[in-house]
């Protein structure tokens, strides 16, 4: 089998993660690295692949089968449009755009051209999420009622010293971290129709928020609450519970989501399941049947790369489309607006 040649543009943290999975892929191969920085030259030499300082150079001199765009956020849409114009399939890192208006522009082009575009919401490829959705779809929980979620973690001072822009509006956990959670919540409970939010910067005192309390209303009728904080010394975040990214310490006794229904609840990612054995005899005075759903933990970035290869080869449609990426961005922007105004923000989830 001839491996699908994948280049990676952007040699930062997430770009290097994509390089790693491409180097170890059974069906894809890393063909080049694109980044103007000196550090990228060294990375390319270490990987044994060509280095280019621009996408133009790559497309002219060493055209791959597909390109991962892991570049700074403000470059996502212009570079995506450049690749679409060149007929190049892309895996575009999240957020797909810096604003909803910019994202809508990209979606219009993707839909008009039929371009092959996968948005890099890698948790969509998580075996944990796949198993959670299977349990919810089985009806074991009964009618879904509510979801309680959290992303609480502590970013060290050095994180802000290394990049002072993170202290300013737009650099906080809503836009940098919550967009991951939005996609997970949509996968679990369906489309989000309205949000409310309170934001605070009382702990660090930076202009940007450090803690946010969020209410969500889903089209399914489910209601949700979500606590987000990058200054809370707490392990109830996906990174610290899923064990998918080995760079983070992990705690097997913690969950970051609890989905509740009329007959039981599922805690994710421990997959602890509590259900009433006799639905006709449900009561808070009755005991739950308690168990753990069997599942496999594996790196979703690895599965995402295999999926991207399938999309490039015409064997699959994008699991996370440009339209999906836009819906995630709309909800995230709505949370920002709700926190700013103190009002309920309604969304068109179409």
C-alpha atoms as a PDB file:
ATOM      1  CA  UNK A   1       0.000   0.000   0.000  1.00  0.00           C
ATOM      2  CA  UNK A   2       1.324   3.446  -0.954  1.00  0.00           C
ATOM      3  CA  UNK A   3       1.062   5.694   2.066  1.00  0.00           C
ATOM      4  CA  UNK A   4      -0.829   8.988   1.860  1.00  0.00           C
ATOM      5  CA  UNK A   5       1.626  11.896   1.989  1.00  0.00           C
ATOM      6  CA  UNK A   6       0.675  14.403   4.696  1.00  0.00           C
ATOM      7  CA  UNK A   7       2.489  17.700   5.273  1.00  0.00           C
ATOM      8  CA  UNK A   8       2.112  19.755   8.447  1.00  0.00           C
ATOM      9  CA  UNK A   9       2.087  23.564   8.467  1.00  0.00           C
ATOM     10  CA  UNK A  10       2.826  25.005  11.898  1.00  0.00           C
ATOM     11  CA  UNK A  11       5.560  23.623  14.125  1.00  0.00           C
ATOM     12  CA  UNK A  12       4.097  24.546  17.505  1.00  0.00           C
ATOM     13  CA  UNK A  13       2.814  22.166  20.178  1.00  0.00           C
ATOM     14  CA  UNK A  14      -0.195  20.825  18.270  1.00  0.00           C
ATOM     15  CA  UNK A  15       1.685  20.800  14.959  1.00  0.00           C
ATOM     16  CA  UNK A  16       4.368  18.615  16.506  1.00  0.00           C
ATOM     17  CA  UNK A  17       1.658  16.280  17.810  1.00  0.00           C
ATOM     18  CA  UNK A  18       0.315  15.900  14.255  1.00  0.00           C
ATOM     19  CA  UNK A  19       3.853  15.258  13.003  1.00  0.00           C
ATOM     20  CA  UNK A  20       4.272  12.502  15.580  1.00  0.00           C
ATOM     21  CA  UNK A  21       1.112  10.622  14.625  1.00  0.00           C
ATOM     22  CA  UNK A  22       1.895  10.997  10.896  1.00  0.00           C
ATOM     23  CA  UNK A  23       5.374   9.551  11.441  1.00  0.00           C
ATOM     24  CA  UNK A  24       3.862   6.522  13.182  1.00  0.00           C
ATOM     25  CA  UNK A  25       0.786   6.069  10.990  1.00  0.00           C
ATOM     26  CA  UNK A  26       0.167   2.750   9.221  1.00  0.00           C
ATOM     27  CA  UNK A  27      -1.496   4.493   6.254  1.00  0.00           C
ATOM     28  CA  UNK A  28      -0.019   8.012   6.159  1.00  0.00           C
ATOM     29  CA  UNK A  29       3.488   9.413   6.079  1.00  0.00           C
ATOM     30  CA  UNK A  30       4.880  12.808   7.037  1.00  0.00           C
ATOM     31  CA  UNK A  31       6.078  14.363   3.782  1.00  0.00           C
ATOM     32  CA  UNK A  32       7.144  17.888   4.801  1.00  0.00           C
ATOM     33  CA  UNK A  33       7.070  20.578   7.479  1.00  0.00           C
ATOM     34  CA  UNK A  34       6.044  24.164   6.738  1.00  0.00           C
ATOM     35  CA  UNK A  35       6.998  26.934   9.175  1.00  0.00           C
ATOM     36  CA  UNK A  36       9.289  29.971   8.788  1.00  0.00           C
ATOM     37  CA  UNK A  37      10.889  29.534  12.226  1.00  0.00           C
ATOM     38  CA  UNK A  38      14.439  28.189  12.745  1.00  0.00           C
ATOM     39  CA  UNK A  39      13.032  25.608  15.160  1.00  0.00           C
ATOM     40  CA  UNK A  40      11.042  24.099  12.279  1.00  0.00           C
ATOM     41  CA  UNK A  41      14.244  23.572  10.278  1.00  0.00           C
ATOM     42  CA  UNK A  42      15.611  21.448  13.105  1.00  0.00           C
ATOM     43  CA  UNK A  43      12.334  19.510  13.431  1.00  0.00           C
ATOM     44  CA  UNK A  44      12.322  18.723   9.709  1.00  0.00           C
ATOM     45  CA  UNK A  45      15.908  17.519   9.855  1.00  0.00           C
ATOM     46  CA  UNK A  46      15.119  15.357  12.856  1.00  0.00           C
ATOM     47  CA  UNK A  47      12.112  13.839  11.061  1.00  0.00           C
ATOM     48  CA  UNK A  48      14.074  13.411   7.829  1.00  0.00           C
ATOM     49  CA  UNK A  49      11.601  15.394   5.707  1.00  0.00           C
ATOM     50  CA  UNK A  50      11.890  18.578   3.600  1.00  0.00           C
ATOM     51  CA  UNK A  51      11.320  21.988   5.193  1.00  0.00           C
ATOM     52  CA  UNK A  52       9.511  24.892   3.574  1.00  0.00           C
ATOM     53  CA  UNK A  53       8.916  28.352   4.922  1.00  0.00           C
ATOM     54  CA  UNK A  54       5.592  28.884   3.141  1.00  0.00           C
ATOM     55  CA  UNK A  55       2.629  26.951   1.793  1.00  0.00           C
ATOM     56  CA  UNK A  56       3.375  28.437  -1.642  1.00  0.00           C
ATOM     57  CA  UNK A  57       6.818  26.816  -1.596  1.00  0.00           C
ATOM     58  CA  UNK A  58       5.362  23.499  -0.485  1.00  0.00           C
ATOM     59  CA  UNK A  59       2.698  23.385  -3.201  1.00  0.00           C
ATOM     60  CA  UNK A  60       5.207  24.363  -5.876  1.00  0.00           C
ATOM     61  CA  UNK A  61       8.064  22.064  -4.919  1.00  0.00           C
ATOM     62  CA  UNK A  62       6.756  19.095  -2.946  1.00  0.00           C
ATOM     63  CA  UNK A  63       2.972  18.907  -3.228  1.00  0.00           C
ATOM     64  CA  UNK A  64       1.526  16.485  -0.632  1.00  0.00           C
ATOM     65  CA  UNK A  65      -1.722  14.536  -0.807  1.00  0.00           C
ATOM     66  CA  UNK A  66      -3.088  16.437   2.198  1.00  0.00           C
ATOM     67  CA  UNK A  67      -2.035  19.278   4.479  1.00  0.00           C
ATOM     68  CA  UNK A  68      -2.567  19.818   8.217  1.00  0.00           C
ATOM     69  CA  UNK A  69      -2.979  23.510   9.062  1.00  0.00           C
ATOM     70  CA  UNK A  70      -1.790  23.899  12.664  1.00  0.00           C
ATOM     71  CA  UNK A  71      -0.804  27.522  12.219  1.00  0.00           C
ATOM     72  CA  UNK A  72      -1.814  30.541  14.387  1.00  0.00           C
ATOM     73  CA  UNK A  73      -5.577  31.081  14.525  1.00  0.00           C
ATOM     74  CA  UNK A  74      -5.609  34.294  12.482  1.00  0.00           C
ATOM     75  CA  UNK A  75      -4.070  32.398   9.549  1.00  0.00           C
ATOM     76  CA  UNK A  76      -6.611  29.562   9.516  1.00  0.00           C
ATOM     77  CA  UNK A  77      -9.142  30.990   7.085  1.00  0.00           C
ATOM     78  CA  UNK A  78      -6.770  32.696   4.599  1.00  0.00           C
ATOM     79  CA  UNK A  79      -4.564  29.599   4.446  1.00  0.00           C
ATOM     80  CA  UNK A  80      -7.577  27.291   4.184  1.00  0.00           C
ATOM     81  CA  UNK A  81      -8.900  29.348   1.252  1.00  0.00           C
ATOM     82  CA  UNK A  82      -5.464  29.211  -0.356  1.00  0.00           C
ATOM     83  CA  UNK A  83      -5.420  25.416  -0.076  1.00  0.00           C
ATOM     84  CA  UNK A  84      -8.985  25.033  -1.334  1.00  0.00           C
ATOM     85  CA  UNK A  85      -8.115  27.174  -4.353  1.00  0.00           C
ATOM     86  CA  UNK A  86      -5.184  24.833  -5.013  1.00  0.00           C
ATOM     87  CA  UNK A  87      -7.378  21.721  -4.664  1.00  0.00           C
ATOM     88  CA  UNK A  88      -5.519  20.604  -1.530  1.00  0.00           C
ATOM     89  CA  UNK A  89      -7.397  18.550   1.115  1.00  0.00           C
ATOM     90  CA  UNK A  90      -6.849  20.006   4.599  1.00  0.00           C
ATOM     91  CA  UNK A  91      -7.153  19.154   8.252  1.00  0.00           C
ATOM     92  CA  UNK A  92      -7.758  22.591   9.791  1.00  0.00           C
ATOM     93  CA  UNK A  93      -7.055  22.968  13.491  1.00  0.00           C
ATOM     94  CA  UNK A  94      -9.680  24.460  15.804  1.00  0.00           C
ATOM     95  CA  UNK A  95     -10.915  27.067  16.106  1.00  0.00           C
ATOM     96  CA  UNK A  96     -11.629  27.036  12.387  1.00  0.00           C
ATOM     97  CA  UNK A  97     -11.734  30.855  12.383  1.00  0.00           C
ATOM     98  CA  UNK A  98     -11.267  33.816  14.682  1.00  0.00           C
ATOM     99  CA  UNK A  99     -14.904  34.898  14.328  1.00  0.00           C
ATOM    100  CA  UNK A 100     -18.262  33.527  13.234  1.00  0.00           C
ATOM    101  CA  UNK A 101     -18.329  35.891  10.243  1.00  0.00           C
ATOM    102  CA  UNK A 102     -14.963  34.593   9.063  1.00  0.00           C
ATOM    103  CA  UNK A 103     -16.089  31.008   9.656  1.00  0.00           C
ATOM    104  CA  UNK A 104     -19.235  31.573   7.614  1.00  0.00           C
ATOM    105  CA  UNK A 105     -17.084  32.793   4.719  1.00  0.00           C
ATOM    106  CA  UNK A 106     -15.059  29.580   4.808  1.00  0.00           C
ATOM    107  CA  UNK A 107     -18.129  27.346   5.049  1.00  0.00           C
ATOM    108  CA  UNK A 108     -19.657  29.030   1.979  1.00  0.00           C
ATOM    109  CA  UNK A 109     -16.516  28.274  -0.035  1.00  0.00           C
ATOM    110  CA  UNK A 110     -16.301  24.681   1.216  1.00  0.00           C
ATOM    111  CA  UNK A 111     -19.930  24.011   0.340  1.00  0.00           C
ATOM    112  CA  UNK A 112     -19.652  25.691  -3.060  1.00  0.00           C
ATOM    113  CA  UNK A 113     -16.511  23.798  -4.065  1.00  0.00           C
ATOM    114  CA  UNK A 114     -16.990  20.453  -2.322  1.00  0.00           C
ATOM    115  CA  UNK A 115     -13.508  20.836  -0.849  1.00  0.00           C
ATOM    116  CA  UNK A 116     -12.185  18.112   1.447  1.00  0.00           C
ATOM    117  CA  UNK A 117     -11.933  19.870   4.821  1.00  0.00           C
ATOM    118  CA  UNK A 118     -11.710  18.170   8.226  1.00  0.00           C
ATOM    119  CA  UNK A 119     -11.827  20.410  11.305  1.00  0.00           C
ATOM    120  CA  UNK A 120      -9.424  19.373  14.060  1.00  0.00           C
ATOM    121  CA  UNK A 121     -11.807  18.754  16.937  1.00  0.00           C
ATOM    122  CA  UNK A 122      -9.858  15.620  17.776  1.00  0.00           C
ATOM    123  CA  UNK A 123     -12.050  14.496  20.669  1.00  0.00           C
ATOM    124  CA  UNK A 124     -14.641  13.501  18.053  1.00  0.00           C
ATOM    125  CA  UNK A 125     -12.247  10.604  17.361  1.00  0.00           C
ATOM    126  CA  UNK A 126     -11.964   9.575  21.025  1.00  0.00           C
ATOM    127  CA  UNK A 127     -12.962   5.955  21.768  1.00  0.00           C
ATOM    128  CA  UNK A 128     -14.250   7.218  25.136  1.00  0.00           C
ATOM    129  CA  UNK A 129     -16.657   9.599  23.442  1.00  0.00           C
ATOM    130  CA  UNK A 130     -17.729   6.899  20.990  1.00  0.00           C
ATOM    131  CA  UNK A 131     -18.608   4.566  23.868  1.00  0.00           C
ATOM    132  CA  UNK A 132     -20.439   7.326  25.784  1.00  0.00           C
ATOM    133  CA  UNK A 133     -22.559   8.096  22.728  1.00  0.00           C
ATOM    134  CA  UNK A 134     -23.290   4.379  22.334  1.00  0.00           C
ATOM    135  CA  UNK A 135     -24.574   4.182  25.912  1.00  0.00           C
ATOM    136  CA  UNK A 136     -26.740   7.282  25.482  1.00  0.00           C
ATOM    137  CA  UNK A 137     -28.120   5.949  22.207  1.00  0.00           C
ATOM    138  CA  UNK A 138     -29.009   2.604  23.815  1.00  0.00           C
ATOM    139  CA  UNK A 139     -31.705   4.187  25.959  1.00  0.00           C
ATOM    140  CA  UNK A 140     -30.238   2.798  29.211  1.00  0.00           C
ATOM    141  CA  UNK A 141     -30.501   6.212  30.849  1.00  0.00           C
ATOM    142  CA  UNK A 142     -34.086   6.728  29.729  1.00  0.00           C
ATOM    143  CA  UNK A 143     -34.992  10.172  28.419  1.00  0.00           C
ATOM    144  CA  UNK A 144     -32.019  12.514  28.792  1.00  0.00           C
ATOM    145  CA  UNK A 145     -32.653  15.278  31.325  1.00  0.00           C
ATOM    146  CA  UNK A 146     -29.455  17.163  32.130  1.00  0.00           C
ATOM    147  CA  UNK A 147     -25.683  17.308  31.802  1.00  0.00           C
ATOM    148  CA  UNK A 148     -23.197  18.647  34.353  1.00  0.00           C
ATOM    149  CA  UNK A 149     -19.737  19.429  33.010  1.00  0.00           C
ATOM    150  CA  UNK A 150     -16.476  20.984  34.063  1.00  0.00           C
ATOM    151  CA  UNK A 151     -13.086  21.998  32.754  1.00  0.00           C
ATOM    152  CA  UNK A 152     -11.243  23.096  35.873  1.00  0.00           C
ATOM    153  CA  UNK A 153      -7.438  23.191  35.849  1.00  0.00           C
ATOM    154  CA  UNK A 154      -4.550  25.457  36.852  1.00  0.00           C
ATOM    155  CA  UNK A 155      -2.406  27.117  34.199  1.00  0.00           C
ATOM    156  CA  UNK A 156       0.967  28.153  35.677  1.00  0.00           C
ATOM    157  CA  UNK A 157       2.197  31.748  35.713  1.00  0.00           C
ATOM    158  CA  UNK A 158       4.777  30.878  33.058  1.00  0.00           C
ATOM    159  CA  UNK A 159       1.937  30.177  30.615  1.00  0.00           C
ATOM    160  CA  UNK A 160       1.042  33.871  30.709  1.00  0.00           C
ATOM    161  CA  UNK A 161       4.633  35.105  30.883  1.00  0.00           C
ATOM    162  CA  UNK A 162       5.488  33.183  27.683  1.00  0.00           C
ATOM    163  CA  UNK A 163       2.594  34.763  25.768  1.00  0.00           C
ATOM    164  CA  UNK A 164       1.298  38.010  27.304  1.00  0.00           C
ATOM    165  CA  UNK A 165      -1.556  38.130  24.761  1.00  0.00           C
ATOM    166  CA  UNK A 166      -3.204  35.372  26.813  1.00  0.00           C
ATOM    167  CA  UNK A 167      -3.868  37.953  29.541  1.00  0.00           C
ATOM    168  CA  UNK A 168      -6.005  40.055  27.203  1.00  0.00           C
ATOM    169  CA  UNK A 169      -9.603  39.612  26.027  1.00  0.00           C
ATOM    170  CA  UNK A 170      -9.837  36.700  23.605  1.00  0.00           C
ATOM    171  CA  UNK A 171      -6.906  34.871  25.198  1.00  0.00           C
ATOM    172  CA  UNK A 172      -8.774  33.218  28.033  1.00  0.00           C
ATOM    173  CA  UNK A 173     -10.318  29.803  28.609  1.00  0.00           C
ATOM    174  CA  UNK A 174     -13.609  30.537  26.807  1.00  0.00           C
ATOM    175  CA  UNK A 175     -12.025  30.862  23.372  1.00  0.00           C
ATOM    176  CA  UNK A 176      -8.956  28.669  23.971  1.00  0.00           C
ATOM    177  CA  UNK A 177     -10.481  25.760  25.907  1.00  0.00           C
ATOM    178  CA  UNK A 178     -14.285  25.876  25.919  1.00  0.00           C
ATOM    179  CA  UNK A 179     -14.573  25.201  22.186  1.00  0.00           C
ATOM    180  CA  UNK A 180     -13.374  21.621  22.868  1.00  0.00           C
ATOM    181  CA  UNK A 181     -16.078  21.202  25.484  1.00  0.00           C
ATOM    182  CA  UNK A 182     -18.765  22.631  23.212  1.00  0.00           C
ATOM    183  CA  UNK A 183     -18.096  19.954  20.612  1.00  0.00           C
ATOM    184  CA  UNK A 184     -18.170  17.185  23.231  1.00  0.00           C
ATOM    185  CA  UNK A 185     -21.445  18.489  24.667  1.00  0.00           C
ATOM    186  CA  UNK A 186     -22.990  18.668  21.196  1.00  0.00           C
ATOM    187  CA  UNK A 187     -21.928  15.072  20.516  1.00  0.00           C
ATOM    188  CA  UNK A 188     -23.461  13.917  23.793  1.00  0.00           C
ATOM    189  CA  UNK A 189     -26.671  15.976  24.034  1.00  0.00           C
ATOM    190  CA  UNK A 190     -27.345  17.529  20.622  1.00  0.00           C
ATOM    191  CA  UNK A 191     -27.502  21.107  19.403  1.00  0.00           C
ATOM    192  CA  UNK A 192     -27.302  24.025  21.821  1.00  0.00           C
ATOM    193  CA  UNK A 193     -30.067  26.615  21.445  1.00  0.00           C
ATOM    194  CA  UNK A 194     -29.335  29.112  24.237  1.00  0.00           C
ATOM    195  CA  UNK A 195     -26.613  30.055  26.712  1.00  0.00           C
ATOM    196  CA  UNK A 196     -26.232  32.147  29.846  1.00  0.00           C
ATOM    197  CA  UNK A 197     -22.909  32.901  31.544  1.00  0.00           C
ATOM    198  CA  UNK A 198     -21.180  34.674  34.398  1.00  0.00           C
ATOM    199  CA  UNK A 199     -17.456  35.387  33.996  1.00  0.00           C
ATOM    200  CA  UNK A 200     -14.917  36.507  36.575  1.00  0.00           C
ATOM    201  CA  UNK A 201     -11.274  37.608  36.566  1.00  0.00           C
ATOM    202  CA  UNK A 202     -11.137  38.074  40.324  1.00  0.00           C
ATOM    203  CA  UNK A 203      -8.364  35.539  40.933  1.00  0.00           C
ATOM    204  CA  UNK A 204      -5.659  36.665  38.517  1.00  0.00           C
ATOM    205  CA  UNK A 205      -6.918  40.178  37.890  1.00  0.00           C
ATOM    206  CA  UNK A 206      -6.062  40.086  34.178  1.00  0.00           C
ATOM    207  CA  UNK A 207      -8.435  41.778  31.693  1.00  0.00           C
ATOM    208  CA  UNK A 208      -9.411  38.314  30.415  1.00  0.00           C
ATOM    209  CA  UNK A 209     -11.681  35.944  32.328  1.00  0.00           C
ATOM    210  CA  UNK A 210     -10.227  33.142  34.445  1.00  0.00           C
ATOM    211  CA  UNK A 211     -13.475  31.512  35.623  1.00  0.00           C
ATOM    212  CA  UNK A 212     -16.866  31.121  33.939  1.00  0.00           C
ATOM    213  CA  UNK A 213     -20.165  29.557  35.032  1.00  0.00           C
ATOM    214  CA  UNK A 214     -22.340  28.583  32.057  1.00  0.00           C
ATOM    215  CA  UNK A 215     -25.942  27.452  31.576  1.00  0.00           C
ATOM    216  CA  UNK A 216     -26.985  25.650  28.383  1.00  0.00           C
ATOM    217  CA  UNK A 217     -30.309  24.760  26.769  1.00  0.00           C
ATOM    218  CA  UNK A 218     -30.286  21.997  24.140  1.00  0.00           C
ATOM    219  CA  UNK A 219     -32.751  21.416  21.317  1.00  0.00           C
ATOM    220  CA  UNK A 220     -33.452  17.975  22.813  1.00  0.00           C
ATOM    221  CA  UNK A 221     -34.848  19.608  25.959  1.00  0.00           C
ATOM    222  CA  UNK A 222     -31.752  18.749  27.983  1.00  0.00           C
ATOM    223  CA  UNK A 223     -30.443  21.473  30.293  1.00  0.00           C
ATOM    224  CA  UNK A 224     -26.767  21.804  31.184  1.00  0.00           C
ATOM    225  CA  UNK A 225     -24.421  23.517  33.563  1.00  0.00           C
ATOM    226  CA  UNK A 226     -20.697  23.924  32.964  1.00  0.00           C
ATOM    227  CA  UNK A 227     -17.905  25.293  35.179  1.00  0.00           C
ATOM    228  CA  UNK A 228     -14.791  26.520  33.388  1.00  0.00           C
ATOM    229  CA  UNK A 229     -11.661  27.801  35.124  1.00  0.00           C
ATOM    230  CA  UNK A 230      -7.960  27.929  34.346  1.00  0.00           C
ATOM    231  CA  UNK A 231      -7.076  29.042  37.868  1.00  0.00           C
ATOM    232  CA  UNK A 232      -8.830  26.285  39.840  1.00  0.00           C
ATOM    233  CA  UNK A 233      -6.486  23.651  41.289  1.00  0.00           C
ATOM    234  CA  UNK A 234      -8.862  20.843  40.392  1.00  0.00           C
ATOM    235  CA  UNK A 235      -8.562  17.751  38.203  1.00  0.00           C
ATOM    236  CA  UNK A 236     -12.066  17.773  36.732  1.00  0.00           C
ATOM    237  CA  UNK A 237     -11.015  18.409  33.156  1.00  0.00           C
ATOM    238  CA  UNK A 238     -10.868  16.180  30.094  1.00  0.00           C
ATOM    239  CA  UNK A 239      -7.076  16.364  29.969  1.00  0.00           C
ATOM    240  CA  UNK A 240      -6.708  15.268  33.606  1.00  0.00           C
ATOM    241  CA  UNK A 241      -9.279  12.472  33.473  1.00  0.00           C
ATOM    242  CA  UNK A 242      -9.305  10.908  29.995  1.00  0.00           C
ATOM    243  CA  UNK A 243      -5.673   9.665  30.057  1.00  0.00           C
ATOM    244  CA  UNK A 244      -5.524  10.365  26.309  1.00  0.00           C
ATOM    245  CA  UNK A 245      -2.713  12.948  26.462  1.00  0.00           C
ATOM    246  CA  UNK A 246       0.179  11.564  28.506  1.00  0.00           C
ATOM    247  CA  UNK A 247       1.611  15.064  29.027  1.00  0.00           C
ATOM    248  CA  UNK A 248      -1.008  15.599  31.761  1.00  0.00           C
ATOM    249  CA  UNK A 249      -1.235  13.925  35.137  1.00  0.00           C
ATOM    250  CA  UNK A 250      -4.381  11.840  35.301  1.00  0.00           C
ATOM    251  CA  UNK A 251      -6.771  10.871  38.090  1.00  0.00           C
ATOM    252  CA  UNK A 252      -8.915   7.783  37.660  1.00  0.00           C
ATOM    253  CA  UNK A 253     -11.419   8.804  40.352  1.00  0.00           C
ATOM    254  CA  UNK A 254     -12.439  12.074  38.653  1.00  0.00           C
ATOM    255  CA  UNK A 255     -14.995  12.814  35.937  1.00  0.00           C
ATOM    256  CA  UNK A 256     -15.632  15.906  33.872  1.00  0.00           C
ATOM    257  CA  UNK A 257     -19.155  15.092  32.629  1.00  0.00           C
ATOM    258  CA  UNK A 258     -22.205  13.509  34.230  1.00  0.00           C
ATOM    259  CA  UNK A 259     -25.139  12.890  31.888  1.00  0.00           C
ATOM    260  CA  UNK A 260     -28.440  12.156  33.610  1.00  0.00           C
ATOM    261  CA  UNK A 261     -31.649  10.634  32.348  1.00  0.00           C
ATOM    262  CA  UNK A 262     -34.970   9.487  33.755  1.00  0.00           C
ATOM    263  CA  UNK A 263     -33.574   6.008  34.480  1.00  0.00           C
ATOM    264  CA  UNK A 264     -29.931   6.572  35.322  1.00  0.00           C
ATOM    265  CA  UNK A 265     -26.683   8.465  34.855  1.00  0.00           C
ATOM    266  CA  UNK A 266     -23.347   8.046  33.088  1.00  0.00           C
ATOM    267  CA  UNK A 267     -20.146   9.646  34.362  1.00  0.00           C
ATOM    268  CA  UNK A 268     -17.476  10.364  31.738  1.00  0.00           C
ATOM    269  CA  UNK A 269     -14.678   9.380  31.324  1.00  0.00           C
ATOM    270  CA  UNK A 270     -14.708   6.833  34.175  1.00  0.00           C
ATOM    271  CA  UNK A 271     -17.815   5.399  32.477  1.00  0.00           C
ATOM    272  CA  UNK A 272     -19.484   4.691  35.820  1.00  0.00           C
ATOM    273  CA  UNK A 273     -23.092   3.774  35.120  1.00  0.00           C
ATOM    274  CA  UNK A 274     -25.962   3.932  37.618  1.00  0.00           C
ATOM    275  CA  UNK A 275     -29.395   2.724  36.481  1.00  0.00           C
ATOM    276  CA  UNK A 276     -32.607   1.543  38.081  1.00  0.00           C
ATOM    277  CA  UNK A 277     -33.031  -2.230  37.507  1.00  0.00           C
ATOM    278  CA  UNK A 278     -36.825  -1.840  37.325  1.00  0.00           C
ATOM    279  CA  UNK A 279     -37.822   1.393  35.533  1.00  0.00           C
ATOM    280  CA  UNK A 280     -41.408   0.967  36.680  1.00  0.00           C
ATOM    281  CA  UNK A 281     -40.197   1.174  40.305  1.00  0.00           C
ATOM    282  CA  UNK A 282     -37.890   4.217  40.161  1.00  0.00           C
ATOM    283  CA  UNK A 283     -37.425   6.288  43.307  1.00  0.00           C
ATOM    284  CA  UNK A 284     -34.697   8.078  45.206  1.00  0.00           C
ATOM    285  CA  UNK A 285     -35.419   5.586  47.994  1.00  0.00           C
ATOM    286  CA  UNK A 286     -34.489   2.699  45.698  1.00  0.00           C
ATOM    287  CA  UNK A 287     -30.971   1.455  44.997  1.00  0.00           C
ATOM    288  CA  UNK A 288     -29.248   1.871  41.658  1.00  0.00           C
ATOM    289  CA  UNK A 289     -27.654  -0.979  39.796  1.00  0.00           C
ATOM    290  CA  UNK A 290     -24.027   0.180  39.626  1.00  0.00           C
ATOM    291  CA  UNK A 291     -21.423  -0.767  37.021  1.00  0.00           C
ATOM    292  CA  UNK A 292     -18.663   0.445  34.745  1.00  0.00           C
ATOM    293  CA  UNK A 293     -19.008   0.423  30.967  1.00  0.00           C
ATOM    294  CA  UNK A 294     -16.096  -1.325  29.306  1.00  0.00           C
ATOM    295  CA  UNK A 295     -14.167   0.802  26.822  1.00  0.00           C
ATOM    296  CA  UNK A 296     -10.734   1.351  25.298  1.00  0.00           C
ATOM    297  CA  UNK A 297      -8.542   4.404  25.852  1.00  0.00           C
ATOM    298  CA  UNK A 298      -6.485   5.475  22.854  1.00  0.00           C
ATOM    299  CA  UNK A 299      -4.984   8.636  21.358  1.00  0.00           C
ATOM    300  CA  UNK A 300      -7.713  10.439  19.371  1.00  0.00           C
ATOM    301  CA  UNK A 301      -5.090  12.352  17.350  1.00  0.00           C
ATOM    302  CA  UNK A 302      -3.924   9.006  15.966  1.00  0.00           C
ATOM    303  CA  UNK A 303      -7.462   8.090  14.923  1.00  0.00           C
ATOM    304  CA  UNK A 304      -7.991  11.577  13.485  1.00  0.00           C
ATOM    305  CA  UNK A 305      -4.927  11.210  11.250  1.00  0.00           C
ATOM    306  CA  UNK A 306      -6.177   7.869   9.921  1.00  0.00           C
ATOM    307  CA  UNK A 307      -9.564   9.454   9.253  1.00  0.00           C
ATOM    308  CA  UNK A 308      -7.954  12.396   7.443  1.00  0.00           C
ATOM    309  CA  UNK A 309      -6.089   9.946   5.237  1.00  0.00           C
ATOM    310  CA  UNK A 310      -9.399   8.280   4.385  1.00  0.00           C
ATOM    311  CA  UNK A 311     -10.940  11.660   3.507  1.00  0.00           C
ATOM    312  CA  UNK A 312      -7.945  12.542   1.325  1.00  0.00           C
ATOM    313  CA  UNK A 313      -8.250   9.213  -0.511  1.00  0.00           C
ATOM    314  CA  UNK A 314     -12.008   9.651  -0.985  1.00  0.00           C
ATOM    315  CA  UNK A 315     -12.851   6.739   1.324  1.00  0.00           C
ATOM    316  CA  UNK A 316     -14.794   8.776   3.916  1.00  0.00           C
ATOM    317  CA  UNK A 317     -16.585  12.075   4.472  1.00  0.00           C
ATOM    318  CA  UNK A 318     -15.300  14.423   7.203  1.00  0.00           C
ATOM    319  CA  UNK A 319     -16.447  13.340  10.654  1.00  0.00           C
ATOM    320  CA  UNK A 320     -16.104  16.975  11.765  1.00  0.00           C
ATOM    321  CA  UNK A 321     -17.073  19.192   8.842  1.00  0.00           C
ATOM    322  CA  UNK A 322     -16.526  22.906   8.354  1.00  0.00           C
ATOM    323  CA  UNK A 323     -20.207  23.365   9.262  1.00  0.00           C
ATOM    324  CA  UNK A 324     -19.600  21.506  12.548  1.00  0.00           C
ATOM    325  CA  UNK A 325     -16.650  23.748  13.281  1.00  0.00           C
ATOM    326  CA  UNK A 326     -18.819  26.798  12.649  1.00  0.00           C
ATOM    327  CA  UNK A 327     -21.518  25.568  15.059  1.00  0.00           C
ATOM    328  CA  UNK A 328     -18.884  25.128  17.783  1.00  0.00           C
ATOM    329  CA  UNK A 329     -17.585  28.626  17.134  1.00  0.00           C
ATOM    330  CA  UNK A 330     -21.107  30.104  17.277  1.00  0.00           C
ATOM    331  CA  UNK A 331     -21.753  28.593  20.699  1.00  0.00           C
ATOM    332  CA  UNK A 332     -18.373  29.744  22.001  1.00  0.00           C
ATOM    333  CA  UNK A 333     -18.991  33.298  20.785  1.00  0.00           C
ATOM    334  CA  UNK A 334     -22.453  33.195  22.349  1.00  0.00           C
ATOM    335  CA  UNK A 335     -20.894  32.333  25.728  1.00  0.00           C
ATOM    336  CA  UNK A 336     -18.575  35.333  25.397  1.00  0.00           C
ATOM    337  CA  UNK A 337     -21.547  37.565  24.563  1.00  0.00           C
ATOM    338  CA  UNK A 338     -23.696  36.169  27.380  1.00  0.00           C
ATOM    339  CA  UNK A 339     -20.904  36.790  29.899  1.00  0.00           C
ATOM    340  CA  UNK A 340     -20.370  40.311  28.587  1.00  0.00           C
ATOM    341  CA  UNK A 341     -24.016  41.364  28.600  1.00  0.00           C
ATOM    342  CA  UNK A 342     -25.483  39.241  31.385  1.00  0.00           C
ATOM    343  CA  UNK A 343     -28.312  38.211  29.052  1.00  0.00           C
ATOM    344  CA  UNK A 344     -29.490  34.953  27.536  1.00  0.00           C
ATOM    345  CA  UNK A 345     -28.089  34.499  24.025  1.00  0.00           C
ATOM    346  CA  UNK A 346     -30.219  32.432  21.663  1.00  0.00           C
ATOM    347  CA  UNK A 347     -28.677  30.527  18.781  1.00  0.00           C
ATOM    348  CA  UNK A 348     -29.889  29.275  15.456  1.00  0.00           C
ATOM    349  CA  UNK A 349     -28.506  25.735  15.498  1.00  0.00           C
ATOM    350  CA  UNK A 350     -29.266  25.086  11.824  1.00  0.00           C
END
